[in-house]
C-alpha atoms as a PDB file:
ATOM      1  CA  MET A   1     100.408  17.464 152.524  1.00  0.00           C
ATOM      2  CA  ASN A   2     100.955  21.132 153.889  1.00  0.00           C
ATOM      3  CA  THR A   3     100.121  23.411 150.700  1.00  0.00           C
ATOM      4  CA  VAL A   4      99.103  27.118 151.265  1.00  0.00           C
ATOM      5  CA  ALA A   5      96.641  27.997 148.941  1.00  0.00           C
ATOM      6  CA  SER A   6      97.662  31.639 147.227  1.00  0.00           C
ATOM      7  CA  LYS A   7      95.203  34.141 147.999  1.00  0.00           C
ATOM      8  CA  ALA A   8      94.144  36.523 145.173  1.00  0.00           C
ATOM      9  CA  ARG A   9      94.629  39.968 145.857  1.00  0.00           C
ATOM     10  CA  ALA A  10      91.455  42.013 146.233  1.00  0.00           C
ATOM     11  CA  PRO A  11      91.051  44.860 144.094  1.00  0.00           C
ATOM     12  CA  SER A  12      91.584  48.470 145.629  1.00  0.00           C
ATOM     13  CA  ARG A  13      88.435  50.433 146.358  1.00  0.00           C
ATOM     14  CA  LEU A  14      90.623  53.789 146.046  1.00  0.00           C
ATOM     15  CA  ARG A  15      92.263  52.733 142.831  1.00  0.00           C
ATOM     16  CA  PHE A  16      89.127  51.646 141.228  1.00  0.00           C
ATOM     17  CA  ALA A  17      87.248  54.692 142.648  1.00  0.00           C
ATOM     18  CA  GLY A  18      89.974  56.451 140.730  1.00  0.00           C
ATOM     19  CA  PHE A  19      89.616  54.941 138.034  1.00  0.00           C
ATOM     20  CA  VAL A  20      85.699  55.598 137.477  1.00  0.00           C
ATOM     21  CA  PHE A  21      86.885  59.100 138.447  1.00  0.00           C
ATOM     22  CA  LEU A  22      88.853  59.375 135.577  1.00  0.00           C
ATOM     23  CA  PHE A  23      86.453  58.029 133.189  1.00  0.00           C
ATOM     24  CA  VAL A  24      83.213  59.979 134.696  1.00  0.00           C
ATOM     25  CA  TYR A  25      84.495  63.239 134.980  1.00  0.00           C
ATOM     26  CA  PRO A  26      85.072  63.624 131.269  1.00  0.00           C
ATOM     27  CA  LEU A  27      81.890  62.159 130.400  1.00  0.00           C
ATOM     28  CA  VAL A  28      79.910  64.596 132.810  1.00  0.00           C
ATOM     29  CA  THR A  29      81.573  67.738 131.656  1.00  0.00           C
ATOM     30  CA  LEU A  30      81.054  66.684 127.839  1.00  0.00           C
ATOM     31  CA  GLY A  31      77.652  66.089 128.780  1.00  0.00           C
ATOM     32  CA  LEU A  32      77.057  69.766 130.330  1.00  0.00           C
ATOM     33  CA  LEU A  33      79.397  71.228 127.515  1.00  0.00           C
ATOM     34  CA  VAL A  34      76.417  69.372 124.999  1.00  0.00           C
ATOM     35  CA  LEU A  35      73.512  69.816 126.944  1.00  0.00           C
ATOM     36  CA  LEU A  36      73.725  73.676 128.332  1.00  0.00           C
ATOM     37  CA  PRO A  37      73.316  75.173 124.837  1.00  0.00           C
ATOM     38  CA  LEU A  38      70.577  72.847 123.966  1.00  0.00           C
ATOM     39  CA  THR A  39      68.525  73.596 127.296  1.00  0.00           C
ATOM     40  CA  PRO A  40      68.828  77.465 127.847  1.00  0.00           C
ATOM     41  CA  GLY A  41      66.502  78.620 130.637  1.00  0.00           C
ATOM     42  CA  TRP A  42      65.897  74.925 131.637  1.00  0.00           C
ATOM     43  CA  PRO A  43      65.989  74.594 135.977  1.00  0.00           C
ATOM     44  CA  ILE A  44      68.713  72.808 136.958  1.00  0.00           C
ATOM     45  CA  PRO A  45      66.955  69.581 138.118  1.00  0.00           C
ATOM     46  CA  ALA A  46      65.425  69.091 134.640  1.00  0.00           C
ATOM     47  CA  ARG A  47      69.024  69.264 133.301  1.00  0.00           C
ATOM     48  CA  THR A  48      69.911  67.133 135.777  1.00  0.00           C
ATOM     49  CA  ALA A  49      67.287  64.273 134.851  1.00  0.00           C
ATOM     50  CA  VAL A  50      68.457  64.359 131.380  1.00  0.00           C
ATOM     51  CA  LEU A  51      72.047  64.012 132.157  1.00  0.00           C
ATOM     52  CA  VAL A  52      72.295  61.360 135.162  1.00  0.00           C
ATOM     53  CA  PRO A  53      70.548  58.671 133.174  1.00  0.00           C
ATOM     54  CA  ILE A  54      72.887  59.251 130.201  1.00  0.00           C
ATOM     55  CA  VAL A  55      76.035  58.908 132.832  1.00  0.00           C
ATOM     56  CA  VAL A  56      74.454  56.204 134.662  1.00  0.00           C
ATOM     57  CA  THR A  57      74.362  53.695 131.570  1.00  0.00           C
ATOM     58  CA  ALA A  58      77.232  54.470 130.329  1.00  0.00           C
ATOM     59  CA  MET A  59      78.902  53.521 133.890  1.00  0.00           C
ATOM     60  CA  VAL A  60      76.941  50.213 134.306  1.00  0.00           C
ATOM     61  CA  TRP A  61      76.811  48.964 130.794  1.00  0.00           C
ATOM     62  CA  GLY A  62      80.562  50.600 129.442  1.00  0.00           C
ATOM     63  CA  ILE A  63      83.010  52.282 132.312  1.00  0.00           C
ATOM     64  CA  ILE A  64      82.671  49.613 135.135  1.00  0.00           C
ATOM     65  CA  PRO A  65      82.701  46.588 132.659  1.00  0.00           C
ATOM     66  CA  PHE A  66      85.900  48.085 130.880  1.00  0.00           C
ATOM     67  CA  ILE A  67      87.352  49.087 134.237  1.00  0.00           C
ATOM     68  CA  GLN A  68      87.007  45.544 135.602  1.00  0.00           C
ATOM     69  CA  THR A  69      87.780  43.466 132.758  1.00  0.00           C
ATOM     70  CA  ARG A  70      90.791  45.850 130.749  1.00  0.00           C
ATOM     71  CA  LEU A  71      91.841  47.586 133.670  1.00  0.00           C
ATOM     72  CA  ARG A  72      91.854  44.838 136.447  1.00  0.00           C
ATOM     73  CA  ARG A  73      95.706  44.416 136.690  1.00  0.00           C
ATOM     74  CA  TRP A  74      96.240  47.881 137.737  1.00  0.00           C
ATOM     75  CA  LEU A  75      93.418  47.413 140.646  1.00  0.00           C
END
């Protein structure tokens, strides 16, 4: 029998990166808007040390799973 197995199209890394950007950019912007007034005079590395864990947590347990499940058809 000569059957051709259909291959599932691999997700586009460029589209995935675009979706991540669309979700992370507003998150970082909002985080900075909240964080800057609460940390006057703090050096940038200290502010970054507060913001980065929030962004990474949101990405690992929220943004990336959302993109991979609910937006998969557009990848």
